Protein backbone atom coordinates (compact mmCIF):
# COMPACT_ATOMS: atom_id res chain seq x y z
CA MET A 1 29.82 27.50 -9.63
CA MET A 2 32.35 25.22 -10.66
CA GLU A 3 32.03 22.52 -13.13
CA LEU A 4 32.67 18.74 -12.25
CA GLY A 5 35.15 16.87 -14.17
CA GLU A 6 34.58 13.47 -15.74
CA ALA A 7 35.54 11.83 -12.71
CA GLU A 8 33.71 13.62 -10.14
CA GLU A 9 30.65 13.33 -12.32
CA ALA A 10 31.16 9.39 -12.59
CA GLU A 11 31.82 9.10 -8.82
CA LEU A 12 28.66 11.40 -7.90
CA GLN A 13 26.42 9.21 -10.14
CA ARG A 14 27.83 5.98 -8.44
CA LEU A 15 26.94 7.80 -4.85
CA VAL A 16 23.58 8.61 -6.07
CA ALA A 17 22.88 5.25 -7.30
CA ALA A 18 24.21 3.61 -4.28
CA GLN A 19 21.77 6.25 -2.25
CA GLN A 20 18.84 4.87 -4.12
CA GLN A 21 19.48 1.46 -3.92
CA LYS A 22 19.73 2.04 0.16
CA ALA A 23 16.33 3.89 -0.13
CA GLN A 24 14.71 0.64 -2.40
CA PHE A 25 15.90 -1.69 0.10
CA THR A 26 14.87 0.05 2.95
CA THR A 27 11.19 0.72 1.27
CA ARG A 28 11.33 -2.99 0.50
CA VAL A 29 11.96 -3.88 4.52
CA HIS A 30 9.27 -2.18 5.70
CA HIS A 31 6.80 -3.42 3.20
CA PHE A 32 8.03 -6.62 4.10
CA MET A 33 7.57 -5.81 7.72
CA GLU A 34 4.18 -4.80 7.15
CA GLN A 35 3.12 -7.78 5.49
CA ARG A 36 4.35 -10.19 8.17
CA TRP A 37 3.17 -8.12 11.02
CA ASP A 38 -0.34 -8.10 9.22
CA LYS A 39 0.16 -12.45 8.71
CA CYS A 40 1.27 -12.66 12.62
CA VAL A 41 -1.29 -10.49 14.22
CA GLU A 42 -4.78 -11.11 13.09
CA LYS A 43 -6.36 -9.65 15.88
CA PRO A 44 -4.55 -7.08 17.79
CA GLY A 45 -5.19 -7.09 21.38
CA ASN A 46 -3.55 -6.52 25.06
CA CYS A 47 -0.76 -9.20 24.32
CA LEU A 48 0.60 -11.67 22.11
CA ASP A 49 -0.20 -15.54 21.99
CA SER A 50 2.27 -18.05 21.60
CA HIS A 51 1.26 -18.47 17.67
CA ASN A 52 1.94 -14.68 17.09
CA GLU A 53 4.90 -14.92 19.31
CA ASN A 54 6.73 -17.35 17.10
CA CYS A 55 5.58 -15.87 13.79
CA LEU A 56 6.76 -12.80 14.80
CA SER A 57 10.04 -14.18 15.79
CA SER A 58 10.87 -16.10 12.92
CA CYS A 59 10.07 -12.76 10.60
CA VAL A 60 12.13 -10.85 12.67
CA ASP A 61 15.16 -13.46 12.32
CA ARG A 62 14.71 -13.70 9.12
CA SER A 63 14.65 -9.87 8.74
CA ILE A 64 18.23 -10.02 10.24
CA ASP A 65 19.38 -12.58 8.21
CA THR A 66 18.47 -10.30 5.12
CA THR A 67 19.60 -7.27 6.67
CA LEU A 68 23.36 -8.96 7.06
CA THR A 69 23.32 -10.33 3.88
CA ILE A 70 22.50 -7.29 2.29
CA THR A 71 24.92 -5.02 4.40
CA SER A 72 27.46 -7.14 3.93
CA TYR A 73 26.42 -7.08 -0.21
CA PHE A 74 26.64 -3.45 -0.24
CA ALA A 75 30.40 -3.16 2.04
CA GLN A 76 31.81 -5.56 -0.81
CA ASN A 77 30.61 -3.12 -3.56
CA VAL A 78 32.01 -0.25 -1.80
CA GLN A 79 35.14 -2.17 -0.80
CA LYS A 80 35.50 -2.58 -4.75
CA GLY A 81 34.60 0.95 -5.39
CA GLY A 82 37.75 1.85 -3.25
CA GLN A 83 40.26 0.02 -4.74
């Protein structure tokens, strides 16, 4: 088996840390969406009333904004690391 040099080991650690951050983010997003669903849809049924639709729509909009912000953050960090 080949030994990794210091640079390769540091890069591997950076990649592992980035993957762990992504996994933590995904877990938080899923948890957030579960909370929003529980808040917005008190009584699941065949259809949503206007209150439920508005609540879920607002939550989805916030989730998209958050995802875009965090994606931009990760892209900037990757770009900085590649320079």
